[in-house]
Protein backbone atom coordinates (compact mmCIF):
# COMPACT_ATOMS: atom_id res chain seq x y z
CA MET A 1 0.78 138.90 178.01
CA THR A 2 -0.39 135.77 176.18
CA LEU A 3 -1.77 137.76 173.26
CA ILE A 4 1.41 139.86 172.98
CA CYS A 5 3.61 136.73 172.82
CA LEU A 6 1.36 135.26 170.15
CA ILE A 7 1.49 138.40 167.99
CA ILE A 8 5.30 138.62 168.26
CA PHE A 9 5.60 134.94 167.34
CA LEU A 10 3.35 135.27 164.29
CA ILE A 11 5.15 138.39 163.03
CA LEU A 12 8.46 136.54 163.36
CA MET A 13 7.09 133.67 161.24
CA VAL A 14 6.09 136.08 158.47
CA LEU A 15 9.53 137.72 158.47
CA VAL A 16 11.10 134.26 158.16
CA GLY A 17 8.93 133.58 155.11
CA ILE A 18 10.09 136.80 153.45
CA TRP A 19 13.72 135.90 154.18
CA GLY A 20 13.25 132.41 152.73
CA MET A 21 11.69 133.80 149.54
CA LYS A 22 14.90 135.68 148.77
CA LYS A 23 16.89 132.42 148.93
CA THR A 24 14.49 130.33 146.82
CA ASP A 25 15.09 130.24 143.07
CA THR A 26 14.62 126.61 141.99
CA LEU A 27 12.35 123.68 142.76
CA GLY A 28 15.25 122.06 144.63
CA ASP A 29 15.55 125.18 146.78
CA PHE A 30 11.83 125.22 147.54
CA LEU A 31 11.62 121.52 148.46
CA LEU A 32 15.08 120.73 149.90
CA GLY A 33 16.83 124.03 150.53
CA GLY A 34 19.30 123.16 147.79
CA ARG A 35 20.64 120.26 149.94
CA THR A 36 22.65 122.78 151.98
CA ILE A 37 21.08 122.42 155.44
CA GLY A 38 23.33 121.94 158.48
CA PRO A 39 22.94 119.30 161.24
CA TRP A 40 21.26 121.52 163.85
CA PHE A 41 18.60 122.79 161.47
CA SER A 42 18.07 119.33 159.96
CA ALA A 43 17.74 117.71 163.38
CA PHE A 44 15.31 120.31 164.68
CA ALA A 45 13.25 120.09 161.48
CA TYR A 46 13.01 116.30 161.81
CA ALA A 47 11.99 116.40 165.47
CA ALA A 48 9.62 119.34 165.01
CA THR A 49 7.83 117.44 162.25
CA TYR A 50 7.76 114.22 164.30
CA PHE A 51 6.14 115.66 167.44
CA SER A 52 3.06 117.59 166.40
CA ALA A 53 0.21 119.12 168.38
CA VAL A 54 -1.58 115.76 168.08
CA LEU A 55 0.99 114.40 170.54
CA PHE A 56 0.63 117.23 173.05
CA ILE A 57 -3.16 117.26 173.04
CA GLY A 58 -4.96 114.12 171.91
CA PHE A 59 -2.43 111.31 171.70
CA ALA A 60 -0.46 111.86 174.91
CA GLY A 61 -3.68 112.34 176.86
CA LYS A 62 -5.22 109.16 175.46
CA ILE A 63 -2.08 107.08 175.94
CA GLY A 64 -1.45 108.52 179.42
CA TRP A 65 -4.99 107.69 180.54
CA GLY A 66 -5.05 104.25 178.96
CA PHE A 67 -1.53 103.05 179.79
CA GLY A 68 -0.40 105.26 182.68
CA LEU A 69 3.37 105.43 183.08
CA ARG A 70 3.78 102.47 180.71
CA GLY A 71 3.19 105.01 177.95
CA LEU A 72 6.76 106.23 178.52
CA TRP A 73 7.89 103.15 176.57
CA ILE A 74 6.49 104.89 173.48
CA ALA A 75 8.62 107.94 174.28
CA ALA A 76 11.69 105.70 174.58
CA GLY A 77 10.92 104.05 171.24
CA ASN A 78 10.36 107.38 169.50
CA ALA A 79 13.65 108.78 170.83
CA PHE A 80 15.88 105.75 170.23
CA ILE A 81 14.31 104.00 167.22
CA GLY A 82 12.35 106.76 165.52
CA SER A 83 15.05 109.41 165.94
CA LEU A 84 18.59 108.17 166.72
CA LEU A 85 18.56 104.87 164.78
CA ALA A 86 16.56 106.38 161.92
CA TRP A 87 19.28 108.95 161.24
CA LEU A 88 22.17 106.51 161.70
CA VAL A 89 20.69 103.71 159.56
CA LEU A 90 18.94 105.69 156.82
CA GLY A 91 20.46 109.17 156.73
CA ALA A 92 23.73 108.77 154.84
CA ARG A 93 22.52 106.26 152.29
CA THR A 94 19.37 108.26 151.58
CA ARG A 95 21.35 111.47 151.11
CA ARG A 96 23.80 109.77 148.75
CA MET A 97 21.30 107.73 146.73
CA THR A 98 18.74 110.49 146.19
CA LYS A 99 21.52 112.77 144.97
CA ASN A 100 22.84 110.07 142.64
CA LEU A 101 19.35 109.53 141.21
CA GLU A 102 18.52 113.26 141.21
CA ALA A 103 15.34 112.56 143.18
CA ILE A 104 13.78 115.21 145.42
CA THR A 105 10.62 113.40 146.59
CA MET A 106 9.79 109.91 147.85
CA PRO A 107 7.69 109.00 144.74
CA GLU A 108 10.49 110.26 142.49
CA PHE A 109 13.04 108.18 144.40
CA LEU A 110 10.93 105.03 143.99
CA GLN A 111 10.51 105.67 140.26
CA GLU A 112 14.20 106.28 139.60
CA ARG A 113 15.43 103.49 141.85
CA PHE A 114 13.12 100.78 140.44
CA GLU A 115 12.52 102.12 136.91
CA GLY A 116 8.80 102.18 137.64
CA LYS A 117 6.86 105.03 136.06
CA TYR A 118 3.53 104.00 137.55
CA ILE A 119 5.04 103.44 140.99
CA LYS A 120 5.61 107.18 141.09
CA MET A 121 1.96 107.89 140.25
CA PHE A 122 0.68 105.45 142.89
CA ALA A 123 3.09 106.78 145.52
CA ALA A 124 2.05 110.37 144.79
CA LEU A 125 -1.64 109.50 145.16
CA ILE A 126 -1.02 107.74 148.48
CA THR A 127 0.89 110.77 149.71
CA PHE A 128 -1.90 113.14 148.74
CA VAL A 129 -4.88 111.03 149.86
CA PHE A 130 -3.55 110.23 153.33
CA LEU A 131 -1.28 113.13 154.29
CA ILE A 132 -3.73 115.96 153.61
CA PRO A 133 -6.26 114.51 156.12
CA TYR A 134 -3.37 113.93 158.53
CA SER A 135 -2.42 117.59 158.24
CA ALA A 136 -6.01 118.50 159.13
CA SER A 137 -5.88 116.26 162.21
CA VAL A 138 -2.96 118.33 163.52
CA PHE A 139 -5.45 121.00 164.55
CA LYS A 140 -7.92 118.75 166.33
CA GLY A 141 -8.32 119.88 169.92
CA LEU A 142 -6.53 123.20 169.46
CA GLY A 143 -9.76 125.16 169.09
CA TYR A 144 -10.82 124.51 172.67
CA LEU A 145 -7.47 125.65 174.08
CA PHE A 146 -7.43 128.87 172.07
CA GLU A 147 -11.08 129.60 172.73
CA VAL A 148 -10.56 129.49 176.50
CA ASN A 149 -7.37 131.59 176.50
CA PHE A 150 -8.10 134.15 173.79
CA HIS A 151 -11.90 134.06 173.79
CA ILE A 152 -11.91 133.53 170.05
CA THR A 153 -13.82 130.90 168.12
CA TYR A 154 -12.44 127.62 166.85
CA ASP A 155 -12.86 128.92 163.28
CA MET A 156 -10.80 132.01 164.00
CA SER A 157 -8.00 130.07 165.69
CA LEU A 158 -7.80 127.76 162.66
CA LEU A 159 -7.68 130.72 160.28
CA VAL A 160 -4.86 132.36 162.24
CA MET A 161 -2.74 129.20 162.46
CA ILE A 162 -3.28 128.03 158.90
CA GLY A 163 -3.01 131.56 157.48
CA ILE A 164 0.36 132.31 159.04
CA THR A 165 1.71 128.84 158.24
CA GLY A 166 0.57 129.22 154.65
CA LEU A 167 2.16 132.64 154.33
CA TYR A 168 5.66 131.66 155.44
CA LEU A 169 5.53 128.32 153.60
CA VAL A 170 4.29 129.70 150.29
CA LEU A 171 6.79 132.56 150.40
CA GLY A 172 9.91 130.84 151.68
CA GLY A 173 9.53 127.13 150.97
CA TYR A 174 11.98 124.75 152.68
CA PHE A 175 14.34 127.51 153.83
CA ALA A 176 11.47 129.12 155.73
CA VAL A 177 10.31 125.76 157.08
CA ILE A 178 13.78 124.90 158.34
CA LEU A 179 14.32 128.23 160.11
CA THR A 180 10.83 128.30 161.64
CA ASP A 181 11.24 124.68 162.74
CA PHE A 182 14.42 125.68 164.54
CA ILE A 183 12.71 128.56 166.32
CA GLN A 184 9.67 126.44 167.10
CA GLY A 185 11.93 123.59 168.24
CA ILE A 186 13.53 125.80 170.88
CA ILE A 187 10.04 126.78 172.08
CA LYS A 188 9.04 123.10 172.18
CA ILE A 189 12.01 122.05 174.29
CA PHE A 190 11.60 124.93 176.73
CA GLY A 191 7.80 124.66 176.88
CA ALA A 192 7.72 120.87 177.25
CA SER A 193 10.39 120.92 179.98
CA LEU A 194 8.58 123.68 181.86
CA MET A 195 5.24 121.90 181.54
CA ALA A 196 6.65 118.59 182.85
CA TRP A 197 8.58 120.26 185.68
CA ILE A 198 5.51 122.12 187.00
CA ILE A 199 3.31 119.03 186.85
CA LEU A 200 6.05 116.93 188.47
CA THR A 201 6.34 119.49 191.28
CA LYS A 202 2.58 119.46 191.85
CA CYS A 203 2.71 115.65 192.03
CA GLY A 204 5.25 115.87 194.88
CA GLY A 205 8.52 115.15 193.06
CA VAL A 206 9.76 112.12 191.14
CA HIS A 207 9.23 109.45 193.81
CA HIS A 208 5.80 110.67 194.87
CA ALA A 209 4.76 111.26 191.25
CA ILE A 210 5.51 107.67 190.25
CA HIS A 211 3.71 106.31 193.31
CA ASN A 212 0.68 108.61 193.02
CA ILE A 213 0.22 108.13 189.28
CA SER A 214 0.53 104.34 189.55
CA LEU A 215 -1.94 104.21 192.45
CA ALA A 216 -4.50 106.47 190.77
CA TYR A 217 -4.13 104.57 187.49
CA THR A 218 -5.07 101.24 189.08
CA GLN A 219 -8.04 102.91 190.75
CA HIS A 220 -9.32 104.38 187.50
CA ILE A 221 -8.52 101.36 185.34
CA PRO A 222 -8.63 97.99 187.15
CA LEU A 223 -6.09 95.36 186.13
CA ALA A 224 -8.65 93.38 184.13
CA LYS A 225 -9.43 96.42 181.95
CA GLN A 226 -5.87 97.64 181.40
CA PRO A 227 -4.64 97.33 177.79
CA GLY A 228 -2.10 94.57 177.25
CA TRP A 229 1.59 94.75 176.52
CA PHE A 230 1.06 93.53 172.95
CA LEU A 231 -1.00 96.62 172.08
CA LEU A 232 1.66 98.80 173.71
CA ALA A 233 4.39 97.08 171.70
CA CYS A 234 2.42 97.73 168.51
CA LEU A 235 2.11 101.40 169.45
CA VAL A 236 5.88 101.61 169.98
CA PHE A 237 6.51 99.84 166.66
CA MET A 238 3.98 101.90 164.70
CA THR A 239 5.08 105.31 165.98
CA SER A 240 8.83 104.54 165.99
CA PHE A 241 9.53 102.39 162.93
CA GLY A 242 6.64 104.01 161.08
CA ALA A 243 8.60 107.27 161.04
CA TRP A 244 11.24 105.52 158.91
CA GLY A 245 8.81 105.40 155.98
CA MET A 246 6.99 108.74 156.30
CA PRO A 247 7.87 111.07 153.36
CA GLN A 248 7.83 114.22 155.48
CA MET A 249 10.44 112.66 157.79
CA VAL A 250 12.61 111.12 155.08
CA GLN A 251 12.77 114.49 153.32
CA LYS A 252 15.09 115.75 156.07
CA TYR A 253 17.79 113.24 155.04
CA TYR A 254 17.69 114.50 151.43
CA SER A 255 18.44 118.08 152.41
CA ILE A 256 21.35 117.78 154.85
CA LYS A 257 24.51 119.36 153.48
CA ASP A 258 27.03 116.57 154.10
CA GLU A 259 26.96 112.90 155.16
CA LYS A 260 29.59 113.65 157.81
CA MET A 261 27.02 115.80 159.62
CA ILE A 262 24.57 112.93 160.07
CA PRO A 263 25.93 111.50 163.39
CA LYS A 264 25.71 114.97 164.91
CA ALA A 265 22.16 115.41 163.60
CA ALA A 266 21.26 111.97 165.03
CA ILE A 267 22.42 112.90 168.54
CA ILE A 268 20.67 116.29 168.47
CA THR A 269 17.42 114.69 167.28
CA PHE A 270 17.68 112.00 169.97
CA LEU A 271 18.09 114.57 172.75
CA PHE A 272 15.24 116.69 171.39
CA ALA A 273 12.95 113.66 171.09
CA THR A 274 13.81 112.43 174.58
CA ILE A 275 12.93 115.74 176.23
CA VAL A 276 9.75 116.47 174.28
CA SER A 277 8.25 112.97 174.10
CA PHE A 278 8.94 112.03 177.73
CA ALA A 279 7.45 115.36 178.86
CA ALA A 280 4.30 114.85 176.80
CA TYR A 281 3.63 111.25 177.86
CA PHE A 282 4.45 111.97 181.50
CA VAL A 283 1.97 114.85 181.61
CA GLY A 284 -0.61 112.60 179.95
CA ALA A 285 -0.11 109.92 182.62
CA SER A 286 -0.23 112.49 185.44
CA ALA A 287 -3.87 113.20 184.54
CA HIS A 288 -4.76 110.27 186.80
CA VAL A 289 -3.63 112.32 189.80
CA PHE A 290 -5.66 115.39 188.87
CA TYR A 291 -8.87 113.78 187.57
CA ASP A 292 -11.35 111.68 189.52
CA LYS A 293 -12.70 110.22 186.29
CA LEU A 294 -12.16 110.42 182.55
CA PRO A 295 -13.64 113.64 181.05
CA MET A 296 -16.58 112.95 178.74
CA LEU A 297 -18.12 114.79 175.81
CA ALA A 298 -21.80 115.69 175.60
CA ASN A 299 -22.41 112.66 173.36
CA GLY A 300 -21.03 110.32 176.05
CA LYS A 301 -17.69 109.61 174.33
CA PRO A 302 -14.34 110.04 176.12
CA ALA A 303 -12.88 113.55 175.75
CA PHE A 304 -9.24 112.53 175.28
CA ASP A 305 -8.48 115.77 173.42
CA ARG A 306 -9.36 117.77 176.54
CA ILE A 307 -7.35 115.87 179.11
CA ILE A 308 -4.09 117.80 178.73
CA PRO A 309 -5.59 121.22 177.79
CA ASP A 310 -7.86 121.18 180.87
CA LEU A 311 -5.03 119.90 183.04
CA LEU A 312 -2.72 122.71 181.95
CA LEU A 313 -5.41 125.36 182.32
CA ASN A 314 -6.17 124.26 185.87
CA GLN A 315 -2.63 123.58 187.11
CA LEU A 316 -0.34 126.07 185.37
CA PRO A 317 -0.11 129.76 186.30
CA GLU A 318 -1.77 132.02 183.76
CA SER A 319 1.55 133.74 183.03
CA LEU A 320 3.04 130.44 181.84
CA MET A 321 0.15 129.48 179.57
CA ALA A 322 1.56 131.83 176.91
CA ILE A 323 4.62 129.59 176.60
CA ILE A 324 2.51 126.42 176.52
CA LEU A 325 0.23 127.88 173.87
CA LEU A 326 3.25 128.77 171.76
CA LEU A 327 4.52 125.22 172.32
CA ILE A 328 1.30 123.73 170.95
CA LEU A 329 1.03 126.29 168.15
CA SER A 330 4.65 125.60 167.17
CA ALA A 331 3.97 121.87 167.13
CA SER A 332 1.03 122.44 164.80
CA MET A 333 2.71 124.80 162.39
CA SER A 334 5.97 122.87 162.01
CA THR A 335 4.18 119.60 161.25
CA LEU A 336 1.62 121.22 158.96
CA SER A 337 4.28 122.96 156.88
CA SER A 338 6.20 119.71 156.29
CA LEU A 339 3.03 117.78 155.45
CA VAL A 340 1.81 120.41 153.00
CA LEU A 341 5.25 120.65 151.37
CA VAL A 342 5.30 116.88 150.77
CA SER A 343 1.67 116.79 149.57
CA ALA A 344 2.15 119.74 147.21
CA SER A 345 5.26 118.12 145.75
CA ALA A 346 3.26 114.94 145.07
CA ILE A 347 1.01 116.87 142.69
CA THR A 348 3.39 119.45 141.21
CA VAL A 349 6.61 117.43 140.92
CA ASP A 350 5.51 113.81 140.81
CA ILE A 351 2.32 114.12 138.74
CA HIS A 352 2.26 117.45 136.86
CA LYS A 353 5.97 117.81 136.09
CA GLY A 354 6.44 114.03 135.92
CA TYR A 355 3.59 113.21 133.52
CA ILE A 356 1.76 116.28 132.23
CA ASN A 357 4.47 118.87 131.55
CA PRO A 358 7.98 117.40 131.96
CA LYS A 359 9.61 120.41 130.23
CA GLN A 360 8.14 123.00 132.56
CA SER A 361 10.59 125.83 133.34
CA LYS A 362 12.06 126.21 136.83
CA GLU A 363 10.25 129.54 137.29
CA ASN A 364 6.87 127.98 136.49
CA SER A 365 7.67 124.95 138.65
CA VAL A 366 8.34 127.13 141.69
CA LYS A 367 5.26 129.22 140.97
CA MET A 368 3.07 126.13 140.66
CA ILE A 369 4.27 124.51 143.87
CA ARG A 370 3.61 127.78 145.70
CA ILE A 371 0.07 127.81 144.33
CA PHE A 372 -0.57 124.18 145.29
CA SER A 373 0.92 124.70 148.74
CA GLY A 374 -1.60 127.49 149.28
CA LEU A 375 -4.45 125.34 147.95
CA PHE A 376 -3.52 122.42 150.19
CA ILE A 377 -3.37 124.65 153.25
CA ALA A 378 -6.85 125.92 152.39
CA LEU A 379 -7.99 122.31 151.99
CA SER A 380 -6.50 121.45 155.39
CA TYR A 381 -8.58 124.25 156.90
CA ILE A 382 -11.78 122.93 155.30
CA LEU A 383 -11.13 119.39 156.51
CA ALA A 384 -10.21 120.54 160.02
CA ARG A 385 -13.23 122.86 160.18
CA PHE A 386 -15.95 120.47 159.02
CA GLN A 387 -14.53 117.09 160.14
CA PHE A 388 -16.31 115.05 157.45
CA ALA A 389 -16.91 111.46 158.59
CA PHE A 390 -14.79 109.85 155.87
CA ILE A 391 -11.99 112.37 156.49
CA VAL A 392 -11.95 111.50 160.19
CA THR A 393 -11.52 107.86 159.17
CA LEU A 394 -8.66 108.76 156.82
CA MET A 395 -7.00 110.65 159.69
CA ALA A 396 -7.04 107.53 161.83
CA LEU A 397 -5.72 105.47 158.92
CA SER A 398 -3.10 107.88 157.65
CA TRP A 399 0.03 106.95 159.62
CA GLY A 400 -0.39 103.19 159.17
CA ALA A 401 -1.38 103.40 155.51
CA VAL A 402 1.50 105.67 154.46
CA ALA A 403 4.09 103.75 156.49
CA GLY A 404 2.67 100.46 155.17
CA ALA A 405 3.03 101.68 151.60
CA PHE A 406 6.53 103.18 151.78
CA LEU A 407 8.53 101.59 154.59
CA ALA A 408 9.53 98.28 152.96
CA PRO A 409 10.02 99.64 149.39
CA TYR A 410 12.14 102.50 150.70
CA ILE A 411 14.38 100.31 152.89
CA TYR A 412 14.78 97.61 150.24
CA GLY A 413 15.56 100.36 147.74
CA LEU A 414 18.40 101.60 149.92
CA PHE A 415 19.95 98.26 150.87
CA TRP A 416 18.92 95.48 148.44
CA LYS A 417 19.95 95.61 144.78
CA ARG A 418 17.69 92.72 143.71
CA ALA A 419 14.36 94.41 144.59
CA THR A 420 12.15 94.86 141.48
CA LYS A 421 9.47 97.33 140.46
CA ILE A 422 6.79 94.63 140.46
CA GLY A 423 7.81 93.46 143.92
CA VAL A 424 7.81 97.03 145.21
CA GLY A 425 4.49 97.84 143.54
CA LEU A 426 2.78 94.80 145.06
CA GLY A 427 4.43 95.54 148.39
CA MET A 428 2.94 99.03 148.39
CA ILE A 429 -0.51 97.71 147.48
CA THR A 430 -0.48 94.99 150.14
CA GLY A 431 0.80 97.41 152.77
CA VAL A 432 -2.05 99.87 152.23
CA ALA A 433 -4.67 97.14 151.72
CA THR A 434 -3.65 95.28 154.88
CA SER A 435 -3.72 98.41 157.06
CA VAL A 436 -7.09 99.57 155.71
CA THR A 437 -8.76 96.14 155.76
CA LEU A 438 -7.68 95.28 159.30
CA PHE A 439 -8.63 98.76 160.51
CA PHE A 440 -12.23 98.26 159.39
CA MET A 441 -12.32 94.67 160.63
CA TRP A 442 -10.97 95.35 164.13
CA GLY A 443 -11.95 98.98 164.73
CA GLN A 444 -10.00 102.06 165.74
CA ASP A 445 -9.03 100.75 169.19
CA LYS A 446 -6.89 98.09 167.53
CA SER A 447 -5.60 100.33 164.74
CA PRO A 448 -1.97 100.16 166.07
CA ILE A 449 -2.06 96.38 165.55
CA ALA A 450 -3.55 96.80 162.07
CA SER A 451 -0.95 99.41 161.15
CA SER A 452 1.93 97.31 162.47
CA ILE A 453 0.85 94.28 160.45
CA GLY A 454 0.39 96.51 157.39
CA MET A 455 3.98 97.73 157.81
CA ILE A 456 5.40 94.21 158.23
CA VAL A 457 3.60 92.34 155.42
CA PRO A 458 5.40 94.16 152.54
CA PHE A 459 8.76 93.07 153.95
CA PHE A 460 7.78 89.52 152.92
CA VAL A 461 5.92 90.44 149.71
CA VAL A 462 8.70 92.53 148.12
CA PRO A 463 11.50 89.89 148.27
CA LEU A 464 9.16 87.01 147.41
CA VAL A 465 7.88 88.68 144.24
CA SER A 466 11.29 90.14 143.38
CA MET A 467 12.88 86.71 143.22
CA PHE A 468 10.62 85.85 140.25
CA THR A 469 10.56 89.18 138.41
CA LYS A 470 13.01 91.25 136.41
CA PRO A 471 15.35 93.50 138.42
CA PRO A 472 16.30 97.06 137.41
CA SER A 473 19.04 97.45 134.83
CA GLN A 474 22.65 97.28 135.93
CA ALA A 475 23.10 100.88 134.86
CA THR A 476 20.41 102.01 137.31
CA ILE A 477 21.88 99.88 140.09
CA ASP A 478 25.36 101.28 139.48
CA LYS A 479 24.06 104.84 139.43
CA ALA A 480 22.06 104.40 142.64
CA PHE A 481 24.77 102.63 144.65
CA LYS A 482 27.88 104.45 143.41
């Protein structure tokens, strides 16, 4: 049953890629769907990209074990700040300004908005260096789940997931990504709801679940060892406001068909995020009821990636594991496709077409981005397969570094006319440098604090430097804000 569902799902993804290929003629089609995407598809694409397999396996398990039910504050932040407010505050202005400036990527937007040629190069490099390792991290922990259910190796499960994702992405571009995200989004909502309902039932209902989880949590983690509220607040800030500056998330505002559709997309995204994120973090916290102690790896380190997979394997009926596996596979594929699309555009659009061959024809541009999308998917497989030490570090750094680089420049670009290219450039540098430096000083356990500070510092650097440097020309300002 499980294998049959998987095969049907994968065939459907390939058919979607073939359909998308027939609708893709230009670079704008491949990257943004020609800016013709409706609110339902845009909302599902945003949420599907936001909540990857990392949430359902590693992150929710780690947060649930470390924070217990307090981890639900992260779900609330992701739903309200990272989803609803993000669309309402950023959506319309981003859609309008990127169209005015004829920008189809984040680096291109920063170049056109601030008249900064080298800002585009730096932004493209940041996108490539940090998002490719992040795409590889999407698959961490999936191998164990697939190995137990399908009796196939970790290598084979990676090849299947990355191969199918690569096929529909390379063929269909953004049209294929949008449609598959919608299909995968429906699976996520249904699978996450089913998963949470079964675990809640096994915990004795809402009242008993809250009591039992809270009691077991204090037994496993005494009050003196429980992480503080400041670290939790940084996690909420990093995962919620950080989404405002992630290129793969912002891309969804570019592509929506009409600004009038944005409030509807905001509500749909909010509801999606509420269901999926609360389900994931609740199941993570419920591990305290089903485990006597934290699972450990052979090397003595905590096995956070195995908390939720083992919990589901032991508590869910075998007939339902097919749905849960599709949930996790969908989460992986939807996030990977968006990450690869953004990373490929950084090289093909922002660097090659921007600096090396500006007069490249639209046919060659589409062909090149297809080639680079395939290469980046292959690279994601290599990084996920071999887990090089420095790549693992980049994975841990990726969210904070990218958000630190782009969040302040992007928001100032949308709302403040006086921001300058020098201010933005220094803001990007200080954002990345702060996140990376504090990460190595304080260690991975405090990385949410390092990332949060890295995101905040550029909000002071950009206006301070901008007040003493030359602003963009009035013609550029008028074009951007018309």
